[in-house]
PDB file of all heavy atoms in Angstrom:
ATOM      1  N   LEU A   1      73.766 139.175  55.636  1.00  0.00           N
ATOM      2  CA  LEU A   1      72.713 139.488  54.666  1.00  0.00           C
ATOM      3  C   LEU A   1      73.005 140.633  53.788  1.00  0.00           C
ATOM      4  O   LEU A   1      72.516 140.906  52.729  1.00  0.00           O
ATOM      5  CB  LEU A   1      71.295 139.696  55.317  1.00  0.00           C
ATOM      6  CG  LEU A   1      70.728 138.596  56.052  1.00  0.00           C
ATOM      7  CD1 LEU A   1      69.475 139.050  56.716  1.00  0.00           C
ATOM      8  CD2 LEU A   1      70.406 137.410  55.133  1.00  0.00           C
ATOM      9  N   LEU A   2      74.151 141.447  54.180  1.00  0.00           N
ATOM     10  CA  LEU A   2      74.508 142.463  53.371  1.00  0.00           C
ATOM     11  C   LEU A   2      75.310 142.134  52.085  1.00  0.00           C
ATOM     12  O   LEU A   2      75.387 143.064  51.161  1.00  0.00           O
ATOM     13  CB  LEU A   2      75.313 143.447  54.186  1.00  0.00           C
ATOM     14  CG  LEU A   2      74.710 144.017  55.517  1.00  0.00           C
ATOM     15  CD1 LEU A   2      75.672 145.004  56.257  1.00  0.00           C
ATOM     16  CD2 LEU A   2      73.445 144.754  55.090  1.00  0.00           C
ATOM     17  N   GLU A   3      75.723 140.981  52.031  1.00  0.00           N
ATOM     18  CA  GLU A   3      76.429 140.397  50.825  1.00  0.00           C
ATOM     19  C   GLU A   3      75.391 139.916  49.828  1.00  0.00           C
ATOM     20  O   GLU A   3      74.281 139.354  50.200  1.00  0.00           O
ATOM     21  CB  GLU A   3      77.412 139.320  51.242  1.00  0.00           C
ATOM     22  CG  GLU A   3      78.538 139.672  52.194  1.00  0.00           C
ATOM     23  CD  GLU A   3      79.375 140.664  51.519  1.00  0.00           C
ATOM     24  OE1 GLU A   3      79.682 140.592  50.334  1.00  0.00           O
ATOM     25  OE2 GLU A   3      79.861 141.617  52.323  1.00  0.00           O
ATOM     26  N   PRO A   4      75.695 139.985  48.575  1.00  0.00           N
ATOM     27  CA  PRO A   4      74.843 139.569  47.557  1.00  0.00           C
ATOM     28  C   PRO A   4      74.528 138.064  47.642  1.00  0.00           C
ATOM     29  O   PRO A   4      75.396 137.235  47.811  1.00  0.00           O
ATOM     30  CB  PRO A   4      75.517 139.887  46.213  1.00  0.00           C
ATOM     31  CG  PRO A   4      76.510 140.931  46.527  1.00  0.00           C
ATOM     32  CD  PRO A   4      76.884 140.619  47.926  1.00  0.00           C
ATOM     33  N   SER A   5      73.232 137.711  47.572  1.00  0.00           N
ATOM     34  CA  SER A   5      72.757 136.356  47.485  1.00  0.00           C
ATOM     35  C   SER A   5      71.470 136.263  46.755  1.00  0.00           C
ATOM     36  O   SER A   5      70.688 137.178  46.830  1.00  0.00           O
ATOM     37  CB  SER A   5      72.540 135.688  48.865  1.00  0.00           C
ATOM     38  OG  SER A   5      73.780 135.530  49.576  1.00  0.00           O
ATOM     39  N   ARG A   6      71.246 135.209  46.033  1.00  0.00           N
ATOM     40  CA  ARG A   6      70.027 135.066  45.302  1.00  0.00           C
ATOM     41  C   ARG A   6      68.811 134.926  46.213  1.00  0.00           C
ATOM     42  O   ARG A   6      67.797 135.481  46.092  1.00  0.00           O
ATOM     43  CB  ARG A   6      70.043 133.852  44.358  1.00  0.00           C
ATOM     44  CG  ARG A   6      68.714 133.406  43.870  1.00  0.00           C
ATOM     45  CD  ARG A   6      68.052 134.315  42.948  1.00  0.00           C
ATOM     46  NE  ARG A   6      66.895 133.771  42.180  1.00  0.00           N
ATOM     47  CZ  ARG A   6      65.988 134.383  41.531  1.00  0.00           C
ATOM     48  NH1 ARG A   6      66.221 135.747  41.385  1.00  0.00           N
ATOM     49  NH2 ARG A   6      64.992 133.911  40.968  1.00  0.00           N
ATOM     50  N   TYR A   7      69.066 134.089  47.280  1.00  0.00           N
ATOM     51  CA  TYR A   7      68.027 133.847  48.418  1.00  0.00           C
ATOM     52  C   TYR A   7      68.554 134.401  49.701  1.00  0.00           C
ATOM     53  O   TYR A   7      69.588 134.079  50.074  1.00  0.00           O
ATOM     54  CB  TYR A   7      67.666 132.392  48.564  1.00  0.00           C
ATOM     55  CG  TYR A   7      67.089 131.911  47.365  1.00  0.00           C
ATOM     56  CD1 TYR A   7      67.745 131.252  46.332  1.00  0.00           C
ATOM     57  CD2 TYR A   7      65.652 131.822  47.180  1.00  0.00           C
ATOM     58  CE1 TYR A   7      67.125 130.742  45.290  1.00  0.00           C
ATOM     59  CE2 TYR A   7      65.020 131.178  46.160  1.00  0.00           C
ATOM     60  CZ  TYR A   7      65.781 130.634  45.089  1.00  0.00           C
ATOM     61  OH  TYR A   7      65.194 130.031  43.991  1.00  0.00           O
ATOM     62  N   LYS A   8      67.777 135.305  50.351  1.00  0.00           N
ATOM     63  CA  LYS A   8      67.969 135.721  51.691  1.00  0.00           C
ATOM     64  C   LYS A   8      66.742 135.466  52.589  1.00  0.00           C
ATOM     65  O   LYS A   8      65.685 135.755  52.121  1.00  0.00           O
ATOM     66  CB  LYS A   8      68.435 137.258  51.636  1.00  0.00           C
ATOM     67  CG  LYS A   8      69.650 137.586  50.952  1.00  0.00           C
ATOM     68  CD  LYS A   8      69.854 139.064  50.941  1.00  0.00           C
ATOM     69  CE  LYS A   8      71.192 139.376  50.150  1.00  0.00           C
ATOM     70  NZ  LYS A   8      71.548 140.814  50.211  1.00  0.00           N
ATOM     71  N   GLY A   9      67.071 134.905  53.706  1.00  0.00           N
ATOM     72  CA  GLY A   9      65.861 134.534  54.571  1.00  0.00           C
ATOM     73  C   GLY A   9      66.300 134.691  56.007  1.00  0.00           C
ATOM     74  O   GLY A   9      67.455 134.509  56.447  1.00  0.00           O
ATOM     75  N   ALA A  10      65.308 134.965  56.862  1.00  0.00           N
ATOM     76  CA  ALA A  10      65.493 135.093  58.269  1.00  0.00           C
ATOM     77  C   ALA A  10      64.186 134.496  58.944  1.00  0.00           C
ATOM     78  O   ALA A  10      63.102 134.963  58.688  1.00  0.00           O
ATOM     79  CB  ALA A  10      65.723 136.453  58.721  1.00  0.00           C
ATOM     80  N   TRP A  11      64.352 133.512  59.740  1.00  0.00           N
ATOM     81  CA  TRP A  11      63.253 132.860  60.450  1.00  0.00           C
ATOM     82  C   TRP A  11      63.463 132.764  61.935  1.00  0.00           C
ATOM     83  O   TRP A  11      64.588 132.820  62.396  1.00  0.00           O
ATOM     84  CB  TRP A  11      63.136 131.400  59.850  1.00  0.00           C
ATOM     85  CG  TRP A  11      64.255 130.494  60.160  1.00  0.00           C
ATOM     86  CD1 TRP A  11      65.281 130.283  59.317  1.00  0.00           C
ATOM     87  CD2 TRP A  11      64.368 129.681  61.235  1.00  0.00           C
ATOM     88  NE1 TRP A  11      66.127 129.343  59.889  1.00  0.00           N
ATOM     89  CE2 TRP A  11      65.591 128.941  61.093  1.00  0.00           C
ATOM     90  CE3 TRP A  11      63.622 129.458  62.382  1.00  0.00           C
ATOM     91  CZ2 TRP A  11      66.056 128.090  62.010  1.00  0.00           C
ATOM     92  CZ3 TRP A  11      64.125 128.496  63.361  1.00  0.00           C
ATOM     93  CH2 TRP A  11      65.372 127.787  63.107  1.00  0.00           C
ATOM     94  N   GLY A  12      62.387 132.866  62.720  1.00  0.00           N
ATOM     95  CA  GLY A  12      62.545 132.790  64.086  1.00  0.00           C
ATOM     96  C   GLY A  12      61.256 133.482  64.735  1.00  0.00           C
ATOM     97  O   GLY A  12      60.105 133.534  64.053  1.00  0.00           O
ATOM     98  N   GLY A  13      61.301 133.703  66.015  1.00  0.00           N
ATOM     99  CA  GLY A  13      60.210 134.141  66.775  1.00  0.00           C
ATOM    100  C   GLY A  13      59.951 135.619  66.737  1.00  0.00           C
ATOM    101  O   GLY A  13      60.561 136.483  66.075  1.00  0.00           O
ATOM    102  N   ARG A  14      58.882 136.036  67.384  1.00  0.00           N
ATOM    103  CA  ARG A  14      58.471 137.365  67.528  1.00  0.00           C
ATOM    104  C   ARG A  14      59.486 138.192  68.318  1.00  0.00           C
ATOM    105  O   ARG A  14      60.173 137.690  69.174  1.00  0.00           O
ATOM    106  CB  ARG A  14      57.185 137.465  68.276  1.00  0.00           C
ATOM    107  CG  ARG A  14      56.548 138.858  68.434  1.00  0.00           C
ATOM    108  CD  ARG A  14      55.286 138.766  69.222  1.00  0.00           C
ATOM    109  NE  ARG A  14      54.280 137.957  68.563  1.00  0.00           N
ATOM    110  CZ  ARG A  14      53.105 137.628  69.193  1.00  0.00           C
ATOM    111  NH1 ARG A  14      52.878 137.929  70.416  1.00  0.00           N
ATOM    112  NH2 ARG A  14      52.237 136.862  68.577  1.00  0.00           N
ATOM    113  N   GLY A  15      59.567 139.551  67.920  1.00  0.00           N
ATOM    114  CA  GLY A  15      60.452 140.393  68.646  1.00  0.00           C
ATOM    115  C   GLY A  15      61.940 140.280  68.252  1.00  0.00           C
ATOM    116  O   GLY A  15      62.770 140.994  68.830  1.00  0.00           O
ATOM    117  N   SER A  16      62.170 139.627  67.099  1.00  0.00           N
ATOM    118  CA  SER A  16      63.563 139.425  66.717  1.00  0.00           C
ATOM    119  C   SER A  16      64.121 140.653  65.929  1.00  0.00           C
ATOM    120  O   SER A  16      65.353 140.765  65.830  1.00  0.00           O
ATOM    121  CB  SER A  16      63.799 138.194  65.938  1.00  0.00           C
ATOM    122  OG  SER A  16      62.913 138.243  64.702  1.00  0.00           O
ATOM    123  N   GLY A  17      63.211 141.306  65.317  1.00  0.00           N
ATOM    124  CA  GLY A  17      63.573 142.560  64.492  1.00  0.00           C
ATOM    125  C   GLY A  17      63.835 142.092  63.027  1.00  0.00           C
ATOM    126  O   GLY A  17      64.495 142.896  62.270  1.00  0.00           O
ATOM    127  N   LYS A  18      63.370 140.933  62.692  1.00  0.00           N
ATOM    128  CA  LYS A  18      63.539 140.562  61.281  1.00  0.00           C
ATOM    129  C   LYS A  18      63.004 141.496  60.269  1.00  0.00           C
ATOM    130  O   LYS A  18      63.718 141.956  59.364  1.00  0.00           O
ATOM    131  CB  LYS A  18      62.805 138.990  61.057  1.00  0.00           C
ATOM    132  CG  LYS A  18      63.270 137.974  61.926  1.00  0.00           C
ATOM    133  CD  LYS A  18      62.694 136.689  61.525  1.00  0.00           C
ATOM    134  CE  LYS A  18      61.186 136.767  61.722  1.00  0.00           C
ATOM    135  NZ  LYS A  18      60.767 136.789  63.191  1.00  0.00           N
ATOM    136  N   SER A  19      61.740 141.805  60.433  1.00  0.00           N
ATOM    137  CA  SER A  19      61.014 142.808  59.503  1.00  0.00           C
ATOM    138  C   SER A  19      61.758 144.087  59.483  1.00  0.00           C
ATOM    139  O   SER A  19      61.947 144.710  58.385  1.00  0.00           O
ATOM    140  CB  SER A  19      59.631 142.886  59.881  1.00  0.00           C
ATOM    141  OG  SER A  19      58.905 141.620  59.787  1.00  0.00           O
ATOM    142  N   HIS A  20      62.174 144.555  60.628  1.00  0.00           N
ATOM    143  CA  HIS A  20      62.813 145.956  60.602  1.00  0.00           C
ATOM    144  C   HIS A  20      64.194 145.914  59.953  1.00  0.00           C
ATOM    145  O   HIS A  20      64.551 146.813  59.153  1.00  0.00           O
ATOM    146  CB  HIS A  20      63.167 146.333  62.154  1.00  0.00           C
ATOM    147  CG  HIS A  20      61.799 146.755  62.864  1.00  0.00           C
ATOM    148  ND1 HIS A  20      61.508 148.123  62.938  1.00  0.00           N
ATOM    149  CD2 HIS A  20      60.765 146.104  63.342  1.00  0.00           C
ATOM    150  CE1 HIS A  20      60.360 148.216  63.626  1.00  0.00           C
ATOM    151  NE2 HIS A  20      59.874 146.995  63.829  1.00  0.00           N
ATOM    152  N   ALA A  21      64.910 144.853  60.087  1.00  0.00           N
ATOM    153  CA  ALA A  21      66.231 144.684  59.331  1.00  0.00           C
ATOM    154  C   ALA A  21      66.056 144.687  57.872  1.00  0.00           C
ATOM    155  O   ALA A  21      66.804 145.274  57.163  1.00  0.00           O
ATOM    156  CB  ALA A  21      66.987 143.396  60.035  1.00  0.00           C
ATOM    157  N   PHE A  22      65.090 143.853  57.449  1.00  0.00           N
ATOM    158  CA  PHE A  22      64.861 143.758  55.935  1.00  0.00           C
ATOM    159  C   PHE A  22      64.262 145.009  55.422  1.00  0.00           C
ATOM    160  O   PHE A  22      64.677 145.443  54.242  1.00  0.00           O
ATOM    161  CB  PHE A  22      64.007 142.506  55.717  1.00  0.00           C
ATOM    162  CG  PHE A  22      64.697 141.293  55.584  1.00  0.00           C
ATOM    163  CD1 PHE A  22      65.165 140.506  56.666  1.00  0.00           C
ATOM    164  CD2 PHE A  22      64.895 140.646  54.251  1.00  0.00           C
ATOM    165  CE1 PHE A  22      65.857 139.415  56.644  1.00  0.00           C
ATOM    166  CE2 PHE A  22      65.597 139.469  54.151  1.00  0.00           C
ATOM    167  CZ  PHE A  22      66.072 138.877  55.386  1.00  0.00           C
ATOM    168  N   ALA A  23      63.506 145.739  56.284  1.00  0.00           N
ATOM    169  CA  ALA A  23      62.983 147.024  55.719  1.00  0.00           C
ATOM    170  C   ALA A  23      64.119 148.042  55.514  1.00  0.00           C
ATOM    171  O   ALA A  23      64.205 148.771  54.566  1.00  0.00           O
ATOM    172  CB  ALA A  23      61.901 147.568  56.739  1.00  0.00           C
ATOM    173  N   GLU A  24      65.050 148.085  56.563  1.00  0.00           N
ATOM    174  CA  GLU A  24      66.156 148.997  56.391  1.00  0.00           C
ATOM    175  C   GLU A  24      67.129 148.522  55.222  1.00  0.00           C
ATOM    176  O   GLU A  24      67.578 149.474  54.520  1.00  0.00           O
ATOM    177  CB  GLU A  24      67.000 148.886  57.659  1.00  0.00           C
ATOM    178  CG  GLU A  24      66.276 149.542  58.850  1.00  0.00           C
ATOM    179  CD  GLU A  24      66.889 149.353  60.196  1.00  0.00           C
ATOM    180  OE1 GLU A  24      67.889 148.571  60.222  1.00  0.00           O
ATOM    181  OE2 GLU A  24      66.375 149.725  61.188  1.00  0.00           O
ATOM    182  N   MET A  25      67.282 147.169  54.979  1.00  0.00           N
ATOM    183  CA  MET A  25      68.004 146.747  53.822  1.00  0.00           C
ATOM    184  C   MET A  25      67.443 147.244  52.452  1.00  0.00           C
ATOM    185  O   MET A  25      68.140 147.669  51.605  1.00  0.00           O
ATOM    186  CB  MET A  25      68.180 145.269  53.859  1.00  0.00           C
ATOM    187  CG  MET A  25      69.140 144.650  54.869  1.00  0.00           C
ATOM    188  SD  MET A  25      68.930 142.926  55.139  1.00  0.00           S
ATOM    189  CE  MET A  25      68.898 142.352  53.493  1.00  0.00           C
ATOM    190  N   MET A  26      66.022 147.168  52.447  1.00  0.00           N
ATOM    191  CA  MET A  26      65.397 147.701  51.185  1.00  0.00           C
ATOM    192  C   MET A  26      65.599 149.154  51.064  1.00  0.00           C
ATOM    193  O   MET A  26      65.798 149.609  49.919  1.00  0.00           O
ATOM    194  CB  MET A  26      63.951 147.239  51.227  1.00  0.00           C
ATOM    195  CG  MET A  26      63.137 147.644  50.043  1.00  0.00           C
ATOM    196  SD  MET A  26      61.628 146.712  49.819  1.00  0.00           S
ATOM    197  CE  MET A  26      62.181 145.131  49.270  1.00  0.00           C
ATOM    198  N   ILE A  27      65.418 149.832  52.020  1.00  0.00           N
ATOM    199  CA  ILE A  27      65.529 151.403  51.907  1.00  0.00           C
ATOM    200  C   ILE A  27      66.970 151.741  51.486  1.00  0.00           C
ATOM    201  O   ILE A  27      67.206 152.551  50.653  1.00  0.00           O
ATOM    202  CB  ILE A  27      65.075 152.051  53.240  1.00  0.00           C
ATOM    203  CG1 ILE A  27      63.625 151.855  53.547  1.00  0.00           C
ATOM    204  CG2 ILE A  27      65.442 153.593  53.239  1.00  0.00           C
ATOM    205  CD1 ILE A  27      62.764 152.297  52.437  1.00  0.00           C
ATOM    206  N   GLU A  28      67.971 151.079  52.094  1.00  0.00           N
ATOM    207  CA  GLU A  28      69.307 151.328  51.836  1.00  0.00           C
ATOM    208  C   GLU A  28      69.647 150.942  50.284  1.00  0.00           C
ATOM    209  O   GLU A  28      70.295 151.760  49.630  1.00  0.00           O
ATOM    210  CB  GLU A  28      70.253 150.504  52.694  1.00  0.00           C
ATOM    211  CG  GLU A  28      71.666 150.684  52.475  1.00  0.00           C
ATOM    212  CD  GLU A  28      72.551 149.929  53.353  1.00  0.00           C
ATOM    213  OE1 GLU A  28      72.071 149.148  54.248  1.00  0.00           O
ATOM    214  OE2 GLU A  28      73.851 150.047  53.354  1.00  0.00           O
ATOM    215  N   ALA A  29      69.147 149.842  49.846  1.00  0.00           N
ATOM    216  CA  ALA A  29      69.275 149.380  48.544  1.00  0.00           C
ATOM    217  C   ALA A  29      68.775 150.475  47.492  1.00  0.00           C
ATOM    218  O   ALA A  29      69.390 150.796  46.491  1.00  0.00           O
ATOM    219  CB  ALA A  29      68.676 148.020  48.154  1.00  0.00           C
ATOM    220  N   HIS A  30      67.599 151.072  47.816  1.00  0.00           N
ATOM    221  CA  HIS A  30      67.027 152.023  47.006  1.00  0.00           C
ATOM    222  C   HIS A  30      67.656 153.454  47.058  1.00  0.00           C
ATOM    223  O   HIS A  30      67.513 154.097  46.120  1.00  0.00           O
ATOM    224  CB  HIS A  30      65.534 152.235  47.301  1.00  0.00           C
ATOM    225  CG  HIS A  30      64.661 151.047  46.746  1.00  0.00           C
ATOM    226  ND1 HIS A  30      63.787 151.215  45.610  1.00  0.00           N
ATOM    227  CD2 HIS A  30      64.496 149.736  47.019  1.00  0.00           C
ATOM    228  CE1 HIS A  30      63.253 150.129  45.323  1.00  0.00           C
ATOM    229  NE2 HIS A  30      63.673 149.225  46.198  1.00  0.00           N
ATOM    230  N   ILE A  31      68.352 153.728  48.095  1.00  0.00           N
ATOM    231  CA  ILE A  31      69.142 154.911  48.265  1.00  0.00           C
ATOM    232  C   ILE A  31      70.325 154.820  47.339  1.00  0.00           C
ATOM    233  O   ILE A  31      70.733 155.697  46.622  1.00  0.00           O
ATOM    234  CB  ILE A  31      69.471 155.237  49.719  1.00  0.00           C
ATOM    235  CG1 ILE A  31      68.264 155.670  50.472  1.00  0.00           C
ATOM    236  CG2 ILE A  31      70.533 156.312  49.779  1.00  0.00           C
ATOM    237  CD1 ILE A  31      68.563 155.708  51.912  1.00  0.00           C
ATOM    238  N   LEU A  32      71.061 153.624  47.466  1.00  0.00           N
ATOM    239  CA  LEU A  32      72.264 153.352  46.678  1.00  0.00           C
ATOM    240  C   LEU A  32      72.030 153.335  45.198  1.00  0.00           C
ATOM    241  O   LEU A  32      72.890 153.633  44.384  1.00  0.00           O
ATOM    242  CB  LEU A  32      72.872 152.080  47.234  1.00  0.00           C
ATOM    243  CG  LEU A  32      73.415 152.142  48.640  1.00  0.00           C
ATOM    244  CD1 LEU A  32      73.989 150.835  49.009  1.00  0.00           C
ATOM    245  CD2 LEU A  32      74.512 153.228  48.752  1.00  0.00           C
ATOM    246  N   ASP A  33      70.826 152.793  44.799  1.00  0.00           N
ATOM    247  CA  ASP A  33      70.527 152.630  43.369  1.00  0.00           C
ATOM    248  C   ASP A  33      68.979 153.178  43.158  1.00  0.00           C
ATOM    249  O   ASP A  33      68.088 152.440  43.548  1.00  0.00           O
ATOM    250  CB  ASP A  33      70.637 151.310  42.932  1.00  0.00           C
ATOM    251  CG  ASP A  33      70.370 151.041  41.420  1.00  0.00           C
ATOM    252  OD1 ASP A  33      69.989 152.028  40.757  1.00  0.00           O
ATOM    253  OD2 ASP A  33      70.516 149.943  40.880  1.00  0.00           O
ATOM    254  N   GLN A  34      68.937 154.423  42.753  1.00  0.00           N
ATOM    255  CA  GLN A  34      67.652 155.065  42.606  1.00  0.00           C
ATOM    256  C   GLN A  34      66.786 154.406  41.429  1.00  0.00           C
ATOM    257  O   GLN A  34      65.598 154.932  41.290  1.00  0.00           O
ATOM    258  CB  GLN A  34      67.763 156.590  42.421  1.00  0.00           C
ATOM    259  CG  GLN A  34      68.303 157.228  43.658  1.00  0.00           C
ATOM    260  CD  GLN A  34      67.131 157.525  44.617  1.00  0.00           C
ATOM    261  OE1 GLN A  34      66.382 158.565  44.333  1.00  0.00           O
ATOM    262  NE2 GLN A  34      67.160 156.835  45.710  1.00  0.00           N
ATOM    263  N   SER A  35      67.326 153.572  40.701  1.00  0.00           N
ATOM    264  CA  SER A  35      66.574 152.870  39.680  1.00  0.00           C
ATOM    265  C   SER A  35      66.026 151.412  40.094  1.00  0.00           C
ATOM    266  O   SER A  35      65.450 150.776  39.377  1.00  0.00           O
ATOM    267  CB  SER A  35      67.538 152.693  38.474  1.00  0.00           C
ATOM    268  OG  SER A  35      68.579 151.804  38.646  1.00  0.00           O
ATOM    269  N   GLU A  36      66.369 150.990  41.321  1.00  0.00           N
ATOM    270  CA  GLU A  36      65.984 149.913  41.947  1.00  0.00           C
ATOM    271  C   GLU A  36      64.533 149.690  41.956  1.00  0.00           C
ATOM    272  O   GLU A  36      63.741 150.625  42.384  1.00  0.00           O
ATOM    273  CB  GLU A  36      66.595 149.669  43.259  1.00  0.00           C
ATOM    274  CG  GLU A  36      66.302 148.316  44.046  1.00  0.00           C
ATOM    275  CD  GLU A  36      67.384 147.337  43.921  1.00  0.00           C
ATOM    276  OE1 GLU A  36      68.380 147.591  43.323  1.00  0.00           O
ATOM    277  OE2 GLU A  36      67.218 146.267  44.517  1.00  0.00           O
ATOM    278  N   SER A  37      63.976 148.535  41.499  1.00  0.00           N
ATOM    279  CA  SER A  37      62.533 148.164  41.675  1.00  0.00           C
ATOM    280  C   SER A  37      62.360 146.919  42.478  1.00  0.00           C
ATOM    281  O   SER A  37      63.029 145.928  42.349  1.00  0.00           O
ATOM    282  CB  SER A  37      61.917 147.995  40.292  1.00  0.00           C
ATOM    283  OG  SER A  37      61.948 149.116  39.544  1.00  0.00           O
ATOM    284  N   SER A  38      61.451 147.115  43.507  1.00  0.00           N
ATOM    285  CA  SER A  38      61.207 146.053  44.528  1.00  0.00           C
ATOM    286  C   SER A  38      59.626 145.783  44.688  1.00  0.00           C
ATOM    287  O   SER A  38      58.902 146.751  44.492  1.00  0.00           O
ATOM    288  CB  SER A  38      61.835 146.278  45.892  1.00  0.00           C
ATOM    289  OG  SER A  38      63.233 146.407  45.751  1.00  0.00           O
ATOM    290  N   VAL A  39      59.323 144.597  44.927  1.00  0.00           N
ATOM    291  CA  VAL A  39      57.942 144.206  45.229  1.00  0.00           C
ATOM    292  C   VAL A  39      57.844 143.584  46.558  1.00  0.00           C
ATOM    293  O   VAL A  39      58.633 142.660  46.914  1.00  0.00           O
ATOM    294  CB  VAL A  39      57.256 143.359  44.132  1.00  0.00           C
ATOM    295  CG1 VAL A  39      58.117 142.068  43.914  1.00  0.00           C
ATOM    296  CG2 VAL A  39      55.831 143.009  44.468  1.00  0.00           C
TER     297      VAL A  39
END
């Protein structure tokens, strides 16, 4: 998921860490580019 893609998705069960991984990806993206805008 660290490589550029138009669509990125993760599906599966509880306790997988999906949300935590995507949250970290979003924070990292905003650190690398301080003009980044996300919703």
